[in-house]
PDB file of N, CA and C in Angstrom:
ATOM      1  N   UNK A   1     119.521 120.435  48.794  1.00  0.00           N
ATOM      2  CA  UNK A   1     120.121 119.383  49.342  1.00  0.00           C
ATOM      3  C   UNK A   1     119.924 119.508  50.870  1.00  0.00           C
ATOM      4  N   UNK A   2     119.358 118.590  51.550  1.00  0.00           N
ATOM      5  CA  UNK A   2     119.088 118.678  53.007  1.00  0.00           C
ATOM      6  C   UNK A   2     120.135 117.879  53.758  1.00  0.00           C
ATOM      7  N   UNK A   3     120.684 118.478  54.895  1.00  0.00           N
ATOM      8  CA  UNK A   3     121.499 117.668  55.534  1.00  0.00           C
ATOM      9  C   UNK A   3     120.886 116.936  56.798  1.00  0.00           C
ATOM     10  N   UNK A   4     119.716 117.077  56.850  1.00  0.00           N
ATOM     11  CA  UNK A   4     118.841 116.514  58.116  1.00  0.00           C
ATOM     12  C   UNK A   4     119.129 117.205  59.295  1.00  0.00           C
ATOM     13  N   UNK A   5     119.503 118.502  59.339  1.00  0.00           N
ATOM     14  CA  UNK A   5     119.710 119.206  60.519  1.00  0.00           C
ATOM     15  C   UNK A   5     118.552 120.092  60.927  1.00  0.00           C
ATOM     16  N   UNK A   6     118.305 120.058  62.316  1.00  0.00           N
ATOM     17  CA  UNK A   6     117.078 120.738  62.778  1.00  0.00           C
ATOM     18  C   UNK A   6     117.649 121.936  63.822  1.00  0.00           C
ATOM     19  N   UNK A   7     116.740 123.021  63.801  1.00  0.00           N
ATOM     20  CA  UNK A   7     117.096 124.015  64.688  1.00  0.00           C
ATOM     21  C   UNK A   7     116.761 123.656  66.184  1.00  0.00           C
ATOM     22  N   UNK A   8     117.444 124.248  67.136  1.00  0.00           N
ATOM     23  CA  UNK A   8     117.090 123.949  68.527  1.00  0.00           C
ATOM     24  C   UNK A   8     118.288 123.252  69.211  1.00  0.00           C
ATOM     25  N   UNK A   9     118.039 122.959  70.523  1.00  0.00           N
ATOM     26  CA  UNK A   9     119.139 122.399  71.274  1.00  0.00           C
ATOM     27  C   UNK A   9     118.751 120.846  71.443  1.00  0.00           C
ATOM     28  N   UNK A  10     119.691 119.986  71.082  1.00  0.00           N
ATOM     29  CA  UNK A  10     119.427 118.601  71.303  1.00  0.00           C
ATOM     30  C   UNK A  10     119.227 118.221  72.809  1.00  0.00           C
ATOM     31  N   UNK A  11     119.848 119.025  73.817  1.00  0.00           N
ATOM     32  CA  UNK A  11     119.715 118.622  75.079  1.00  0.00           C
ATOM     33  C   UNK A  11     118.399 118.963  75.731  1.00  0.00           C
ATOM     34  N   UNK A  12     117.538 119.800  74.886  1.00  0.00           N
ATOM     35  CA  UNK A  12     116.268 120.041  75.446  1.00  0.00           C
ATOM     36  C   UNK A  12     115.295 118.754  75.417  1.00  0.00           C
ATOM     37  N   UNK A  13     115.703 117.740  74.574  1.00  0.00           N
ATOM     38  CA  UNK A  13     114.849 116.612  74.382  1.00  0.00           C
ATOM     39  C   UNK A  13     115.311 115.578  75.339  1.00  0.00           C
ATOM     40  N   UNK A  14     116.474 115.725  75.863  1.00  0.00           N
ATOM     41  CA  UNK A  14     116.942 114.520  76.930  1.00  0.00           C
ATOM     42  C   UNK A  14     116.246 114.731  78.208  1.00  0.00           C
ATOM     43  N   UNK A  15     116.002 113.560  78.758  1.00  0.00           N
ATOM     44  CA  UNK A  15     115.255 113.591  80.139  1.00  0.00           C
ATOM     45  C   UNK A  15     116.308 114.072  81.146  1.00  0.00           C
ATOM     46  N   UNK A  16     115.781 114.832  82.062  1.00  0.00           N
ATOM     47  CA  UNK A  16     116.612 115.563  83.094  1.00  0.00           C
ATOM     48  C   UNK A  16     116.939 114.562  84.146  1.00  0.00           C
ATOM     49  N   UNK A  17     118.263 114.420  84.575  1.00  0.00           N
ATOM     50  CA  UNK A  17     118.762 113.335  85.478  1.00  0.00           C
ATOM     51  C   UNK A  17     119.482 114.212  86.481  1.00  0.00           C
ATOM     52  N   UNK A  18     119.181 114.211  87.799  1.00  0.00           N
ATOM     53  CA  UNK A  18     119.855 114.829  88.842  1.00  0.00           C
ATOM     54  C   UNK A  18     120.769 114.043  89.439  1.00  0.00           C
ATOM     55  N   UNK A  19     121.813 114.528  90.177  1.00  0.00           N
ATOM     56  CA  UNK A  19     122.858 113.827  90.785  1.00  0.00           C
ATOM     57  C   UNK A  19     122.169 112.704  91.824  1.00  0.00           C
ATOM     58  N   UNK A  20     121.119 113.125  92.465  1.00  0.00           N
ATOM     59  CA  UNK A  20     120.620 112.254  93.381  1.00  0.00           C
ATOM     60  C   UNK A  20     119.977 110.983  92.593  1.00  0.00           C
ATOM     61  N   UNK A  21     119.640 111.206  91.425  1.00  0.00           N
ATOM     62  CA  UNK A  21     119.059 109.942  90.732  1.00  0.00           C
ATOM     63  C   UNK A  21     120.227 109.050  90.417  1.00  0.00           C
ATOM     64  N   UNK A  22     121.408 109.598  90.233  1.00  0.00           N
ATOM     65  CA  UNK A  22     122.590 108.696  89.889  1.00  0.00           C
ATOM     66  C   UNK A  22     123.179 108.021  91.184  1.00  0.00           C
ATOM     67  N   UNK A  23     123.228 108.758  92.189  1.00  0.00           N
ATOM     68  CA  UNK A  23     124.033 108.374  93.296  1.00  0.00           C
ATOM     69  C   UNK A  23     123.190 107.857  94.482  1.00  0.00           C
ATOM     70  N   UNK A  24     121.851 107.843  94.422  1.00  0.00           N
ATOM     71  CA  UNK A  24     120.943 107.536  95.574  1.00  0.00           C
ATOM     72  C   UNK A  24     120.691 108.878  96.322  1.00  0.00           C
ATOM     73  N   UNK A  25     120.318 108.663  97.592  1.00  0.00           N
ATOM     74  CA  UNK A  25     119.831 109.776  98.371  1.00  0.00           C
ATOM     75  C   UNK A  25     121.027 110.609  98.852  1.00  0.00           C
ATOM     76  N   UNK A  26     121.028 111.897  98.413  1.00  0.00           N
ATOM     77  CA  UNK A  26     122.145 112.853  98.869  1.00  0.00           C
ATOM     78  C   UNK A  26     121.690 114.070  99.242  1.00  0.00           C
ATOM     79  N   UNK A  27     122.331 114.769 100.142  1.00  0.00           N
ATOM     80  CA  UNK A  27     121.896 116.232 100.429  1.00  0.00           C
ATOM     81  C   UNK A  27     123.196 117.158 100.056  1.00  0.00           C
ATOM     82  N   UNK A  28     122.925 118.433  99.849  1.00  0.00           N
ATOM     83  CA  UNK A  28     124.006 119.397  99.494  1.00  0.00           C
ATOM     84  C   UNK A  28     124.409 119.918 100.749  1.00  0.00           C
ATOM     85  N   UNK A  29     125.797 120.067 100.955  1.00  0.00           N
ATOM     86  CA  UNK A  29     126.406 120.705 102.133  1.00  0.00           C
ATOM     87  C   UNK A  29     127.202 121.836 101.658  1.00  0.00           C
ATOM     88  N   UNK A  30     126.910 122.990 102.102  1.00  0.00           N
ATOM     89  CA  UNK A  30     127.790 124.252 101.739  1.00  0.00           C
ATOM     90  C   UNK A  30     128.547 124.612 102.859  1.00  0.00           C
ATOM     91  N   UNK A  31     129.819 124.848 102.726  1.00  0.00           N
ATOM     92  CA  UNK A  31     130.650 125.262 103.888  1.00  0.00           C
ATOM     93  C   UNK A  31     131.752 126.357 103.351  1.00  0.00           C
ATOM     94  N   UNK A  32     131.657 127.379 104.115  1.00  0.00           N
ATOM     95  CA  UNK A  32     132.685 128.406 103.852  1.00  0.00           C
ATOM     96  C   UNK A  32     134.110 128.064 104.570  1.00  0.00           C
ATOM     97  N   UNK A  33     135.166 128.048 103.693  1.00  0.00           N
ATOM     98  CA  UNK A  33     136.396 127.770 104.230  1.00  0.00           C
ATOM     99  C   UNK A  33     137.424 128.886 103.687  1.00  0.00           C
ATOM    100  N   UNK A  34     138.519 128.928 104.438  1.00  0.00           N
ATOM    101  CA  UNK A  34     139.574 129.711 104.085  1.00  0.00           C
ATOM    102  C   UNK A  34     140.127 129.607 102.585  1.00  0.00           C
ATOM    103  N   UNK A  35     140.446 130.614 101.972  1.00  0.00           N
ATOM    104  CA  UNK A  35     140.861 130.530 100.466  1.00  0.00           C
ATOM    105  C   UNK A  35     142.193 129.640 100.520  1.00  0.00           C
ATOM    106  N   UNK A  36     142.993 129.716 101.425  1.00  0.00           N
ATOM    107  CA  UNK A  36     144.357 128.895 101.407  1.00  0.00           C
ATOM    108  C   UNK A  36     143.950 127.398 101.677  1.00  0.00           C
ATOM    109  N   UNK A  37     142.964 127.084 102.561  1.00  0.00           N
ATOM    110  CA  UNK A  37     142.590 125.721 102.725  1.00  0.00           C
ATOM    111  C   UNK A  37     141.959 125.248 101.558  1.00  0.00           C
ATOM    112  N   UNK A  38     141.273 125.958 100.856  1.00  0.00           N
ATOM    113  CA  UNK A  38     140.592 125.476  99.630  1.00  0.00           C
ATOM    114  C   UNK A  38     141.770 125.167  98.578  1.00  0.00           C
ATOM    115  N   UNK A  39     142.768 125.885  98.448  1.00  0.00           N
ATOM    116  CA  UNK A  39     143.936 125.639  97.507  1.00  0.00           C
ATOM    117  C   UNK A  39     144.598 124.409  97.884  1.00  0.00           C
ATOM    118  N   UNK A  40     144.831 124.179  99.231  1.00  0.00           N
ATOM    119  CA  UNK A  40     145.443 122.839  99.652  1.00  0.00           C
ATOM    120  C   UNK A  40     144.518 121.699  99.509  1.00  0.00           C
ATOM    121  N   UNK A  41     143.309 121.868  99.621  1.00  0.00           N
ATOM    122  CA  UNK A  41     142.366 120.591  99.296  1.00  0.00           C
ATOM    123  C   UNK A  41     142.391 120.325  97.860  1.00  0.00           C
ATOM    124  N   UNK A  42     142.419 121.406  97.059  1.00  0.00           N
ATOM    125  CA  UNK A  42     142.310 121.263  95.566  1.00  0.00           C
ATOM    126  C   UNK A  42     143.599 120.620  95.099  1.00  0.00           C
ATOM    127  N   UNK A  43     144.769 120.972  95.497  1.00  0.00           N
ATOM    128  CA  UNK A  43     145.980 120.391  95.305  1.00  0.00           C
ATOM    129  C   UNK A  43     146.107 118.991  95.621  1.00  0.00           C
ATOM    130  N   UNK A  44     145.639 118.648  96.869  1.00  0.00           N
ATOM    131  CA  UNK A  44     145.849 117.304  97.318  1.00  0.00           C
ATOM    132  C   UNK A  44     144.874 116.367  96.656  1.00  0.00           C
ATOM    133  N   UNK A  45     143.713 116.780  96.202  1.00  0.00           N
ATOM    134  CA  UNK A  45     142.703 116.096  95.274  1.00  0.00           C
ATOM    135  C   UNK A  45     143.399 115.724  93.904  1.00  0.00           C
ATOM    136  N   UNK A  46     143.961 116.836  93.491  1.00  0.00           N
ATOM    137  CA  UNK A  46     144.594 116.748  92.101  1.00  0.00           C
ATOM    138  C   UNK A  46     145.799 115.635  92.169  1.00  0.00           C
ATOM    139  N   UNK A  47     146.687 115.820  93.209  1.00  0.00           N
ATOM    140  CA  UNK A  47     147.680 114.788  93.512  1.00  0.00           C
ATOM    141  C   UNK A  47     147.367 113.399  93.569  1.00  0.00           C
ATOM    142  N   UNK A  48     146.093 113.254  94.176  1.00  0.00           N
ATOM    143  CA  UNK A  48     145.610 111.904  94.245  1.00  0.00           C
ATOM    144  C   UNK A  48     144.579 111.493  93.111  1.00  0.00           C
ATOM    145  N   UNK A  49     144.585 112.291  92.124  1.00  0.00           N
ATOM    146  CA  UNK A  49     143.768 112.173  90.773  1.00  0.00           C
ATOM    147  C   UNK A  49     142.321 111.778  91.235  1.00  0.00           C
ATOM    148  N   UNK A  50     141.697 112.718  92.067  1.00  0.00           N
ATOM    149  CA  UNK A  50     140.209 112.610  92.401  1.00  0.00           C
ATOM    150  C   UNK A  50     139.763 114.012  92.473  1.00  0.00           C
ATOM    151  N   UNK A  51     138.514 113.994  92.629  1.00  0.00           N
ATOM    152  CA  UNK A  51     137.724 115.306  92.773  1.00  0.00           C
ATOM    153  C   UNK A  51     137.801 115.748  94.153  1.00  0.00           C
ATOM    154  N   UNK A  52     137.699 117.032  94.393  1.00  0.00           N
ATOM    155  CA  UNK A  52     137.654 117.593  95.617  1.00  0.00           C
ATOM    156  C   UNK A  52     136.421 117.099  96.313  1.00  0.00           C
ATOM    157  N   UNK A  53     135.359 116.956  95.702  1.00  0.00           N
ATOM    158  CA  UNK A  53     134.019 116.305  96.377  1.00  0.00           C
ATOM    159  C   UNK A  53     134.292 114.982  96.965  1.00  0.00           C
ATOM    160  N   UNK A  54     135.002 114.059  96.095  1.00  0.00           N
ATOM    161  CA  UNK A  54     135.350 112.753  96.655  1.00  0.00           C
ATOM    162  C   UNK A  54     136.168 112.771  97.755  1.00  0.00           C
ATOM    163  N   UNK A  55     137.127 113.519  97.639  1.00  0.00           N
ATOM    164  CA  UNK A  55     138.284 113.782  98.768  1.00  0.00           C
ATOM    165  C   UNK A  55     137.528 114.217 100.010  1.00  0.00           C
ATOM    166  N   UNK A  56     136.787 115.133  99.982  1.00  0.00           N
ATOM    167  CA  UNK A  56     136.083 115.750 101.150  1.00  0.00           C
ATOM    168  C   UNK A  56     135.043 114.707 101.736  1.00  0.00           C
ATOM    169  N   UNK A  57     134.294 113.874 100.852  1.00  0.00           N
ATOM    170  CA  UNK A  57     133.346 113.037 101.236  1.00  0.00           C
ATOM    171  C   UNK A  57     134.133 111.924 102.154  1.00  0.00           C
ATOM    172  N   UNK A  58     135.207 111.396 101.602  1.00  0.00           N
ATOM    173  CA  UNK A  58     135.996 110.460 102.391  1.00  0.00           C
ATOM    174  C   UNK A  58     136.437 111.007 103.778  1.00  0.00           C
ATOM    175  N   UNK A  59     137.013 112.286 103.682  1.00  0.00           N
ATOM    176  CA  UNK A  59     137.423 112.830 105.036  1.00  0.00           C
ATOM    177  C   UNK A  59     136.194 112.886 106.015  1.00  0.00           C
ATOM    178  N   UNK A  60     134.969 113.273 105.594  1.00  0.00           N
ATOM    179  CA  UNK A  60     133.879 113.437 106.388  1.00  0.00           C
ATOM    180  C   UNK A  60     133.414 111.929 106.990  1.00  0.00           C
ATOM    181  N   UNK A  61     133.422 110.958 106.062  1.00  0.00           N
ATOM    182  CA  UNK A  61     133.036 109.648 106.497  1.00  0.00           C
ATOM    183  C   UNK A  61     134.118 109.094 107.365  1.00  0.00           C
ATOM    184  N   UNK A  62     135.322 109.320 107.292  1.00  0.00           N
ATOM    185  CA  UNK A  62     136.279 108.822 108.299  1.00  0.00           C
ATOM    186  C   UNK A  62     135.955 109.434 109.571  1.00  0.00           C
ATOM    187  N   UNK A  63     135.854 110.808 109.450  1.00  0.00           N
ATOM    188  CA  UNK A  63     135.761 111.658 110.805  1.00  0.00           C
ATOM    189  C   UNK A  63     134.485 111.240 111.473  1.00  0.00           C
ATOM    190  N   UNK A  64     133.351 110.934 110.976  1.00  0.00           N
ATOM    191  CA  UNK A  64     132.155 110.556 111.587  1.00  0.00           C
ATOM    192  C   UNK A  64     131.970 108.999 111.893  1.00  0.00           C
ATOM    193  N   UNK A  65     133.027 108.277 111.458  1.00  0.00           N
ATOM    194  CA  UNK A  65     132.996 106.808 111.537  1.00  0.00           C
ATOM    195  C   UNK A  65     132.146 105.981 110.737  1.00  0.00           C
ATOM    196  N   UNK A  66     132.014 106.394 109.447  1.00  0.00           N
ATOM    197  CA  UNK A  66     131.220 105.683 108.504  1.00  0.00           C
ATOM    198  C   UNK A  66     132.128 105.020 107.436  1.00  0.00           C
TER     199      UNK A  66
END
Protein backbone atom coordinates (compact mmCIF):
# COMPACT_ATOMS: atom_id res chain seq x y z
CA UNK A 1 0.00 0.00 0.00
CA UNK A 2 1.50 3.32 -1.09
CA UNK A 3 0.78 6.54 0.78
CA UNK A 4 2.08 8.70 -2.06
CA UNK A 5 4.95 10.04 0.05
CA UNK A 6 8.29 10.97 -1.47
CA UNK A 7 11.68 11.45 0.11
CA UNK A 8 13.20 14.90 0.11
CA UNK A 9 12.38 18.37 1.29
CA UNK A 10 9.24 19.93 -0.20
CA UNK A 11 10.79 23.37 0.31
CA UNK A 12 13.54 22.49 -2.19
CA UNK A 13 11.01 22.71 -4.99
CA UNK A 14 9.55 26.08 -3.98
CA UNK A 15 10.85 29.16 -5.79
CA UNK A 16 13.14 31.31 -3.67
CA UNK A 17 11.61 34.65 -2.67
CA UNK A 18 13.69 37.28 -0.95
CA UNK A 19 12.44 40.02 1.36
CA UNK A 20 13.27 42.63 -1.29
CA UNK A 21 10.99 40.80 -3.75
CA UNK A 22 8.13 41.14 -1.29
CA UNK A 23 8.64 44.70 -0.09
CA UNK A 24 10.33 46.49 -2.97
CA UNK A 25 13.85 47.86 -2.87
CA UNK A 26 15.40 47.52 0.58
CA UNK A 27 18.89 47.45 2.03
CA UNK A 28 20.05 45.84 5.26
CA UNK A 29 21.28 48.05 8.10
CA UNK A 30 23.23 46.49 10.96
CA UNK A 31 23.70 48.51 14.12
CA UNK A 32 25.37 47.55 17.38
CA UNK A 33 23.38 48.78 20.37
CA UNK A 34 23.60 48.42 24.13
CA UNK A 35 22.00 45.23 25.47
CA UNK A 36 19.69 47.21 27.77
CA UNK A 37 18.51 49.41 24.88
CA UNK A 38 17.72 46.27 22.88
CA UNK A 39 15.60 44.94 25.75
CA UNK A 40 13.70 48.24 25.90
CA UNK A 41 13.11 48.25 22.15
CA UNK A 42 11.87 44.68 22.26
CA UNK A 43 9.52 45.36 25.18
CA UNK A 44 8.11 48.46 23.50
CA UNK A 45 7.52 46.60 20.24
CA UNK A 46 5.76 43.78 22.08
CA UNK A 47 3.61 46.29 23.98
CA UNK A 48 2.56 47.80 20.65
CA UNK A 49 2.03 44.35 19.09
CA UNK A 50 4.55 44.91 16.31
CA UNK A 51 7.98 43.69 15.34
CA UNK A 52 11.18 45.40 16.44
CA UNK A 53 11.95 45.89 12.74
CA UNK A 54 8.70 47.76 12.09
CA UNK A 55 9.16 49.82 15.24
CA UNK A 56 12.73 50.84 14.32
CA UNK A 57 11.76 51.57 10.69
CA UNK A 58 9.09 53.98 11.90
CA UNK A 59 11.51 55.68 14.31
CA UNK A 60 14.08 56.12 11.55
CA UNK A 61 11.50 57.43 9.08
CA UNK A 62 10.26 60.00 11.60
CA UNK A 63 13.83 60.99 12.46
CA UNK A 64 14.86 61.73 8.87
CA UNK A 65 11.53 63.27 7.89
CA UNK A 66 10.01 60.66 5.61
